[in-house]
N, C-alpha and C. Protein backbone atom coordinates (compact mmCIF):
# COMPACT_ATOMS: atom_id res chain seq x y z
N MET A 1 9.02 -5.30 53.00
CA MET A 1 9.79 -4.74 51.91
C MET A 1 10.19 -5.84 50.92
N LYS A 2 10.67 -6.97 51.46
CA LYS A 2 11.08 -8.08 50.61
C LYS A 2 9.90 -8.58 49.78
N PHE A 3 8.73 -8.63 50.40
CA PHE A 3 7.52 -9.08 49.70
C PHE A 3 7.18 -8.14 48.55
N LYS A 4 7.31 -6.84 48.78
CA LYS A 4 7.01 -5.86 47.72
C LYS A 4 7.95 -6.04 46.53
N ILE A 5 9.21 -6.27 46.80
CA ILE A 5 10.18 -6.47 45.72
C ILE A 5 9.84 -7.73 44.94
N GLN A 6 9.51 -8.81 45.66
CA GLN A 6 9.13 -10.05 44.99
C GLN A 6 7.87 -9.85 44.15
N LEU A 7 6.93 -9.11 44.67
CA LEU A 7 5.69 -8.84 43.94
C LEU A 7 5.96 -8.04 42.67
N ILE A 8 6.82 -7.05 42.76
CA ILE A 8 7.17 -6.24 41.59
C ILE A 8 7.87 -7.11 40.54
N ILE A 9 8.80 -7.96 40.97
CA ILE A 9 9.49 -8.85 40.02
C ILE A 9 8.50 -9.79 39.37
N PHE A 10 7.61 -10.39 40.15
CA PHE A 10 6.61 -11.30 39.60
C PHE A 10 5.71 -10.59 38.60
N ALA A 11 5.26 -9.40 38.94
CA ALA A 11 4.37 -8.65 38.04
C ALA A 11 5.10 -8.29 36.74
N SER A 12 6.37 -7.91 36.85
CA SER A 12 7.14 -7.57 35.65
C SER A 12 7.30 -8.78 34.75
N LEU A 13 7.62 -9.93 35.33
CA LEU A 13 7.74 -11.16 34.54
C LEU A 13 6.42 -11.54 33.91
N PHE A 14 5.34 -11.42 34.67
CA PHE A 14 4.01 -11.75 34.17
C PHE A 14 3.67 -10.89 32.96
N LEU A 15 3.93 -9.60 33.07
CA LEU A 15 3.63 -8.69 31.96
C LEU A 15 4.52 -8.98 30.75
N ALA A 16 5.79 -9.26 30.99
CA ALA A 16 6.69 -9.54 29.88
C ALA A 16 6.27 -10.79 29.13
N ILE A 17 5.90 -11.82 29.86
CA ILE A 17 5.47 -13.07 29.23
C ILE A 17 4.16 -12.87 28.48
N ASN A 18 3.23 -12.18 29.08
CA ASN A 18 1.92 -12.04 28.47
C ASN A 18 1.87 -11.01 27.35
N CYS A 19 2.90 -10.20 27.19
CA CYS A 19 2.92 -9.24 26.09
C CYS A 19 3.49 -9.85 24.82
N GLN A 20 4.07 -11.03 24.94
CA GLN A 20 4.61 -11.69 23.76
C GLN A 20 3.47 -12.37 23.01
N LYS A 21 3.41 -12.11 21.70
CA LYS A 21 2.34 -12.65 20.88
C LYS A 21 2.93 -13.41 19.71
N GLU A 22 2.20 -14.43 19.28
CA GLU A 22 2.56 -15.18 18.08
C GLU A 22 1.31 -15.35 17.24
N ALA A 23 1.40 -14.96 15.99
CA ALA A 23 0.31 -15.19 15.04
C ALA A 23 0.82 -16.16 13.99
N ILE A 24 0.17 -17.30 13.87
CA ILE A 24 0.56 -18.30 12.89
C ILE A 24 -0.42 -18.23 11.73
N VAL A 25 0.11 -17.91 10.56
CA VAL A 25 -0.71 -17.81 9.35
C VAL A 25 -0.04 -18.68 8.30
N GLY A 26 -0.63 -19.84 8.04
CA GLY A 26 0.00 -20.77 7.12
C GLY A 26 1.32 -21.25 7.68
N ARG A 27 2.38 -21.10 6.91
CA ARG A 27 3.70 -21.54 7.37
C ARG A 27 4.50 -20.41 8.02
N TYR A 28 3.88 -19.23 8.14
CA TYR A 28 4.56 -18.06 8.70
C TYR A 28 4.17 -17.83 10.15
N HIS A 29 5.16 -17.49 10.96
CA HIS A 29 4.95 -17.20 12.38
C HIS A 29 5.40 -15.77 12.62
N PHE A 30 4.45 -14.92 12.99
CA PHE A 30 4.73 -13.51 13.29
C PHE A 30 4.85 -13.38 14.81
N PHE A 31 5.98 -12.89 15.28
CA PHE A 31 6.20 -12.73 16.71
C PHE A 31 6.27 -11.26 17.06
N GLN A 32 5.71 -10.91 18.21
CA GLN A 32 5.74 -9.53 18.69
C GLN A 32 5.92 -9.54 20.20
N GLY A 33 6.61 -8.53 20.70
CA GLY A 33 6.80 -8.38 22.13
C GLY A 33 8.10 -8.97 22.64
N TYR A 34 9.04 -9.24 21.76
CA TYR A 34 10.30 -9.88 22.15
C TYR A 34 11.47 -8.90 22.25
N LYS A 35 11.40 -7.76 21.58
CA LYS A 35 12.43 -6.71 21.63
C LYS A 35 13.83 -7.31 21.44
N VAL A 36 14.12 -7.71 20.19
CA VAL A 36 15.40 -8.32 19.87
C VAL A 36 16.05 -7.61 18.69
N ASN A 37 17.38 -7.71 18.63
CA ASN A 37 18.09 -7.23 17.45
C ASN A 37 17.99 -8.32 16.37
N TRP A 38 18.66 -8.09 15.24
CA TRP A 38 18.52 -9.03 14.12
C TRP A 38 19.03 -10.43 14.48
N ILE A 39 20.21 -10.50 15.10
CA ILE A 39 20.76 -11.80 15.50
C ILE A 39 19.83 -12.47 16.51
N GLY A 40 19.26 -11.69 17.43
CA GLY A 40 18.32 -12.24 18.40
C GLY A 40 17.09 -12.82 17.73
N ALA A 41 16.62 -12.18 16.66
CA ALA A 41 15.47 -12.70 15.91
C ALA A 41 15.82 -14.02 15.24
N VAL A 42 17.00 -14.09 14.63
CA VAL A 42 17.46 -15.33 13.99
C VAL A 42 17.53 -16.45 15.03
N GLU A 43 18.12 -16.16 16.18
CA GLU A 43 18.25 -17.16 17.24
C GLU A 43 16.90 -17.58 17.79
N ALA A 44 15.98 -16.62 17.95
CA ALA A 44 14.64 -16.95 18.47
C ALA A 44 13.92 -17.90 17.51
N CYS A 45 14.02 -17.64 16.22
CA CYS A 45 13.41 -18.55 15.23
C CYS A 45 14.01 -19.95 15.37
N ASN A 46 15.34 -20.02 15.45
CA ASN A 46 16.01 -21.32 15.56
C ASN A 46 15.59 -22.07 16.81
N ARG A 47 15.45 -21.36 17.94
CA ARG A 47 15.03 -22.01 19.19
C ARG A 47 13.63 -22.61 19.07
N LYS A 48 12.82 -22.05 18.19
CA LYS A 48 11.45 -22.54 17.99
C LYS A 48 11.39 -23.56 16.84
N ASN A 49 12.56 -24.02 16.40
CA ASN A 49 12.67 -24.96 15.28
C ASN A 49 12.07 -24.39 14.00
N LEU A 50 12.25 -23.09 13.82
CA LEU A 50 11.81 -22.37 12.63
C LEU A 50 13.05 -21.69 12.04
N THR A 51 12.88 -21.00 10.94
CA THR A 51 13.96 -20.22 10.35
C THR A 51 13.44 -18.81 10.07
N ILE A 52 14.31 -17.83 10.18
CA ILE A 52 13.86 -16.46 9.90
C ILE A 52 13.46 -16.40 8.42
N VAL A 53 12.39 -15.68 8.13
CA VAL A 53 11.80 -15.73 6.79
C VAL A 53 12.71 -15.12 5.73
N SER A 54 12.74 -15.79 4.58
CA SER A 54 13.41 -15.30 3.37
C SER A 54 12.33 -15.06 2.33
N ILE A 55 12.38 -13.93 1.67
CA ILE A 55 11.35 -13.59 0.67
C ILE A 55 12.03 -13.61 -0.70
N GLU A 56 12.06 -14.78 -1.31
CA GLU A 56 12.80 -14.96 -2.56
C GLU A 56 11.99 -14.68 -3.81
N SER A 57 10.69 -14.43 -3.66
CA SER A 57 9.86 -14.26 -4.87
C SER A 57 8.71 -13.30 -4.61
N GLU A 58 8.16 -12.78 -5.69
CA GLU A 58 7.00 -11.90 -5.59
C GLU A 58 5.81 -12.66 -5.00
N GLU A 59 5.69 -13.94 -5.35
CA GLU A 59 4.60 -14.76 -4.82
C GLU A 59 4.68 -14.86 -3.29
N LYS A 60 5.88 -15.09 -2.78
CA LYS A 60 6.06 -15.18 -1.33
C LYS A 60 5.81 -13.82 -0.67
N GLN A 61 6.23 -12.75 -1.33
CA GLN A 61 5.96 -11.40 -0.83
C GLN A 61 4.46 -11.18 -0.68
N LYS A 62 3.70 -11.55 -1.70
CA LYS A 62 2.24 -11.38 -1.67
C LYS A 62 1.61 -12.27 -0.60
N ASP A 63 2.13 -13.49 -0.42
CA ASP A 63 1.65 -14.37 0.65
C ASP A 63 1.84 -13.70 2.01
N LEU A 64 3.00 -13.11 2.22
CA LEU A 64 3.28 -12.43 3.49
C LEU A 64 2.40 -11.21 3.68
N GLU A 65 2.20 -10.45 2.62
CA GLU A 65 1.33 -9.27 2.73
C GLU A 65 -0.08 -9.70 3.12
N HIS A 66 -0.56 -10.78 2.52
CA HIS A 66 -1.89 -11.29 2.86
C HIS A 66 -1.91 -11.82 4.30
N ALA A 67 -0.89 -12.57 4.68
CA ALA A 67 -0.80 -13.10 6.04
C ALA A 67 -0.69 -11.98 7.06
N GLY A 68 -0.02 -10.88 6.66
CA GLY A 68 0.18 -9.76 7.57
C GLY A 68 -1.10 -9.09 8.03
N ASP A 69 -2.19 -9.31 7.29
CA ASP A 69 -3.49 -8.77 7.71
C ASP A 69 -3.91 -9.34 9.06
N GLN A 70 -3.41 -10.53 9.38
CA GLN A 70 -3.78 -11.21 10.63
C GLN A 70 -2.64 -11.20 11.64
N ALA A 71 -1.60 -10.44 11.37
CA ALA A 71 -0.40 -10.45 12.20
C ALA A 71 -0.22 -9.13 12.93
N PRO A 72 0.66 -9.12 13.94
CA PRO A 72 0.95 -7.88 14.65
C PRO A 72 1.52 -6.82 13.71
N GLU A 73 1.23 -5.57 14.00
CA GLU A 73 1.71 -4.46 13.18
C GLU A 73 3.10 -4.02 13.61
N GLY A 74 3.79 -3.35 12.71
CA GLY A 74 5.08 -2.76 13.02
C GLY A 74 6.18 -3.29 12.14
N PRO A 75 7.41 -2.81 12.38
CA PRO A 75 8.56 -3.32 11.62
C PRO A 75 8.95 -4.70 12.15
N HIS A 76 9.17 -5.63 11.24
CA HIS A 76 9.54 -7.00 11.59
C HIS A 76 10.90 -7.33 10.98
N TRP A 77 11.79 -7.91 11.77
CA TRP A 77 13.03 -8.41 11.21
C TRP A 77 12.72 -9.56 10.27
N ILE A 78 13.41 -9.60 9.11
CA ILE A 78 13.36 -10.74 8.20
C ILE A 78 14.80 -11.17 7.93
N GLY A 79 15.00 -12.24 7.18
CA GLY A 79 16.31 -12.89 7.07
C GLY A 79 17.32 -12.31 6.11
N GLY A 80 17.15 -11.10 5.64
CA GLY A 80 18.11 -10.51 4.71
C GLY A 80 19.16 -9.66 5.41
N SER A 81 20.39 -9.76 4.91
CA SER A 81 21.46 -8.88 5.42
C SER A 81 22.58 -8.81 4.39
N ASN A 82 23.45 -7.83 4.57
CA ASN A 82 24.67 -7.78 3.78
C ASN A 82 25.88 -7.79 4.71
N LEU A 83 25.74 -8.46 5.83
CA LEU A 83 26.81 -8.50 6.82
C LEU A 83 28.05 -9.22 6.30
N SER A 84 27.87 -10.19 5.42
CA SER A 84 29.02 -10.97 4.96
C SER A 84 29.83 -10.25 3.89
N SER A 85 29.19 -9.40 3.09
CA SER A 85 29.93 -8.77 1.99
C SER A 85 29.88 -7.24 2.00
N ARG A 86 28.92 -6.66 2.66
CA ARG A 86 28.69 -5.21 2.69
C ARG A 86 28.25 -4.66 1.34
N LYS A 87 28.27 -5.47 0.30
CA LYS A 87 27.86 -5.00 -1.01
C LYS A 87 26.55 -5.63 -1.44
N GLU A 88 26.43 -6.92 -1.19
CA GLU A 88 25.30 -7.67 -1.71
C GLU A 88 24.45 -8.22 -0.56
N PHE A 89 23.15 -7.99 -0.62
CA PHE A 89 22.26 -8.55 0.38
C PHE A 89 21.99 -10.01 0.04
N VAL A 90 22.00 -10.85 1.08
CA VAL A 90 21.74 -12.28 0.92
C VAL A 90 20.71 -12.72 1.96
N TRP A 91 20.11 -13.88 1.72
CA TRP A 91 19.13 -14.45 2.64
C TRP A 91 19.81 -15.43 3.58
N LEU A 92 19.40 -15.41 4.81
CA LEU A 92 19.82 -16.40 5.79
C LEU A 92 18.72 -17.45 5.84
N PRO A 93 18.97 -18.70 5.95
CA PRO A 93 20.27 -19.32 6.13
C PRO A 93 20.95 -19.74 4.83
N SER A 94 20.32 -19.56 3.69
CA SER A 94 20.85 -20.09 2.43
C SER A 94 22.10 -19.36 1.93
N GLY A 95 22.23 -18.07 2.23
CA GLY A 95 23.33 -17.28 1.69
C GLY A 95 23.11 -16.87 0.24
N GLU A 96 21.91 -17.13 -0.27
CA GLU A 96 21.58 -16.78 -1.65
C GLU A 96 21.38 -15.27 -1.79
N PRO A 97 21.95 -14.66 -2.83
CA PRO A 97 21.71 -13.24 -3.06
C PRO A 97 20.25 -12.97 -3.41
N PHE A 98 19.80 -11.77 -3.13
CA PHE A 98 18.42 -11.38 -3.45
C PHE A 98 18.21 -11.47 -4.96
N SER A 99 17.19 -12.21 -5.37
CA SER A 99 16.80 -12.24 -6.79
C SER A 99 15.50 -11.46 -6.97
N PHE A 100 14.82 -11.19 -5.87
CA PHE A 100 13.59 -10.39 -5.84
C PHE A 100 13.75 -9.41 -4.70
N THR A 101 13.27 -8.18 -4.88
CA THR A 101 13.31 -7.20 -3.78
C THR A 101 12.01 -6.40 -3.75
N ASN A 102 11.75 -5.85 -2.60
CA ASN A 102 10.61 -4.94 -2.44
C ASN A 102 11.04 -3.76 -1.56
N TRP A 103 12.19 -3.20 -1.91
CA TRP A 103 12.73 -2.07 -1.15
C TRP A 103 11.80 -0.86 -1.24
N HIS A 104 11.70 -0.14 -0.14
CA HIS A 104 11.05 1.16 -0.14
C HIS A 104 11.93 2.10 -0.97
N PRO A 105 11.34 3.06 -1.70
CA PRO A 105 12.17 3.99 -2.48
C PRO A 105 13.28 4.61 -1.63
N GLY A 106 14.49 4.64 -2.19
CA GLY A 106 15.65 5.17 -1.47
C GLY A 106 16.39 4.12 -0.66
N GLN A 107 15.88 2.91 -0.60
CA GLN A 107 16.50 1.82 0.13
C GLN A 107 17.16 0.86 -0.85
N PRO A 108 18.16 0.11 -0.46
CA PRO A 108 18.83 0.24 0.83
C PRO A 108 19.72 1.49 0.87
N ASP A 109 19.85 2.03 2.05
CA ASP A 109 20.73 3.18 2.23
C ASP A 109 21.90 2.76 3.12
N ASN A 110 22.65 3.69 3.59
CA ASN A 110 23.83 3.37 4.39
C ASN A 110 23.54 3.29 5.88
N ARG A 111 22.26 3.24 6.27
CA ARG A 111 21.94 3.26 7.70
C ARG A 111 21.95 1.89 8.35
N GLY A 112 22.00 0.83 7.55
CA GLY A 112 21.99 -0.48 8.18
C GLY A 112 22.29 -1.60 7.22
N ASN A 113 22.51 -2.77 7.80
CA ASN A 113 22.91 -3.94 7.03
C ASN A 113 21.94 -5.11 7.17
N CYS A 114 20.86 -4.94 7.90
CA CYS A 114 19.87 -6.00 8.07
C CYS A 114 18.51 -5.46 7.65
N VAL A 115 17.62 -6.37 7.26
CA VAL A 115 16.38 -5.96 6.60
C VAL A 115 15.17 -6.11 7.53
N ILE A 116 14.34 -5.05 7.55
CA ILE A 116 13.05 -5.14 8.21
C ILE A 116 11.95 -5.10 7.16
N TYR A 117 10.86 -5.75 7.50
CA TYR A 117 9.66 -5.81 6.67
C TYR A 117 8.62 -4.93 7.34
N TRP A 118 8.07 -3.97 6.62
CA TRP A 118 7.12 -3.02 7.19
C TRP A 118 5.71 -3.60 7.17
N ASN A 119 5.13 -3.84 8.34
CA ASN A 119 3.76 -4.36 8.43
C ASN A 119 2.94 -3.42 9.30
N PHE A 120 2.75 -2.22 8.79
CA PHE A 120 2.02 -1.22 9.54
C PHE A 120 1.35 -0.28 8.55
N PRO A 121 0.01 -0.27 8.50
CA PRO A 121 -0.66 0.62 7.55
C PRO A 121 -0.36 2.08 7.88
N SER A 122 0.24 2.77 6.94
CA SER A 122 0.59 4.19 7.14
C SER A 122 0.89 4.77 5.76
N SER A 123 1.64 5.84 5.74
CA SER A 123 2.03 6.41 4.45
C SER A 123 3.03 5.50 3.74
N ILE A 124 3.64 4.59 4.48
CA ILE A 124 4.55 3.60 3.90
C ILE A 124 3.75 2.35 3.59
N PRO A 125 3.77 1.87 2.36
CA PRO A 125 2.99 0.68 2.03
C PRO A 125 3.44 -0.56 2.82
N VAL A 126 2.48 -1.37 3.21
CA VAL A 126 2.76 -2.62 3.90
C VAL A 126 3.61 -3.49 2.98
N GLY A 127 4.61 -4.14 3.55
CA GLY A 127 5.44 -5.06 2.79
C GLY A 127 6.72 -4.46 2.24
N HIS A 128 6.92 -3.15 2.40
CA HIS A 128 8.18 -2.57 1.92
C HIS A 128 9.32 -2.96 2.85
N TRP A 129 10.51 -3.00 2.30
CA TRP A 129 11.70 -3.39 3.04
C TRP A 129 12.58 -2.17 3.29
N PHE A 130 13.28 -2.22 4.43
CA PHE A 130 14.23 -1.18 4.82
C PHE A 130 15.50 -1.82 5.35
N ALA A 131 16.65 -1.22 5.05
CA ALA A 131 17.93 -1.64 5.64
C ALA A 131 18.11 -0.86 6.94
N TYR A 132 18.23 -1.57 8.04
CA TYR A 132 18.37 -0.94 9.35
C TYR A 132 19.57 -1.50 10.08
N ASP A 133 19.94 -0.80 11.13
CA ASP A 133 21.04 -1.20 12.00
C ASP A 133 20.71 -2.55 12.64
N CYS A 134 21.57 -3.53 12.42
CA CYS A 134 21.34 -4.89 12.92
C CYS A 134 21.31 -4.96 14.45
N ASN A 135 21.94 -4.01 15.11
CA ASN A 135 22.00 -4.01 16.57
C ASN A 135 20.80 -3.35 17.22
N LYS A 136 19.98 -2.69 16.43
CA LYS A 136 18.79 -2.02 16.98
C LYS A 136 17.75 -3.08 17.34
N SER A 137 17.13 -2.92 18.48
CA SER A 137 16.10 -3.88 18.90
C SER A 137 14.73 -3.44 18.42
N TYR A 138 14.05 -4.38 17.81
CA TYR A 138 12.66 -4.17 17.38
C TYR A 138 11.78 -5.16 18.11
N ASP A 139 10.51 -4.86 18.08
CA ASP A 139 9.52 -5.61 18.83
C ASP A 139 9.04 -6.86 18.10
N ALA A 140 9.38 -7.02 16.82
CA ALA A 140 8.75 -8.10 16.06
C ALA A 140 9.69 -8.68 15.00
N PHE A 141 9.40 -9.94 14.64
CA PHE A 141 10.15 -10.62 13.58
C PHE A 141 9.25 -11.70 12.99
N ILE A 142 9.65 -12.20 11.81
CA ILE A 142 8.86 -13.21 11.12
C ILE A 142 9.72 -14.45 10.90
N CYS A 143 9.19 -15.59 11.31
CA CYS A 143 9.84 -16.88 11.07
C CYS A 143 8.97 -17.68 10.11
N GLU A 144 9.56 -18.72 9.54
CA GLU A 144 8.79 -19.63 8.71
C GLU A 144 9.17 -21.06 9.06
N GLU A 145 8.24 -21.95 8.78
CA GLU A 145 8.51 -23.36 9.02
C GLU A 145 9.58 -23.83 8.05
N LYS A 146 10.46 -24.69 8.54
CA LYS A 146 11.53 -25.21 7.69
C LYS A 146 10.92 -26.15 6.65
N PRO A 147 11.44 -26.11 5.42
CA PRO A 147 10.90 -27.00 4.40
C PRO A 147 11.16 -28.46 4.75
N VAL A 148 10.21 -29.30 4.43
CA VAL A 148 10.37 -30.73 4.66
C VAL A 148 11.21 -31.30 3.53
N LEU A 149 12.29 -31.96 3.89
CA LEU A 149 13.19 -32.52 2.87
C LEU A 149 12.85 -33.95 2.57
């Protein structure tokens, strides 16, 4: 009986580790299989010496859309939130307000304070942003390499 329990635990850990994926495209790191909330995504990026992605320009948005062709599909946490003010969305870690946006029509709404990036071909265009509940766990997030100073 003890052996069966150990075998089940080992198999569960093996599957959990092997289901985690990372796609590196340029300076962007797409992670999948981690099932984290927004704060968990921020912390995971930091542990990897990366930062959660900020999309401050249309050029960066297009870079991510192009990179997303080679990345895992689904909703990905990105570094935007309005947790500090509830009125204005800002980028982490800079705290800079959004100067560029790619919100899906009707967004942001009152359903959440943290931003996900849609990377899934469907009726929703790839690259659209949604405000979601920061405590909800998603399977994926996007980090970027820290700029060299």
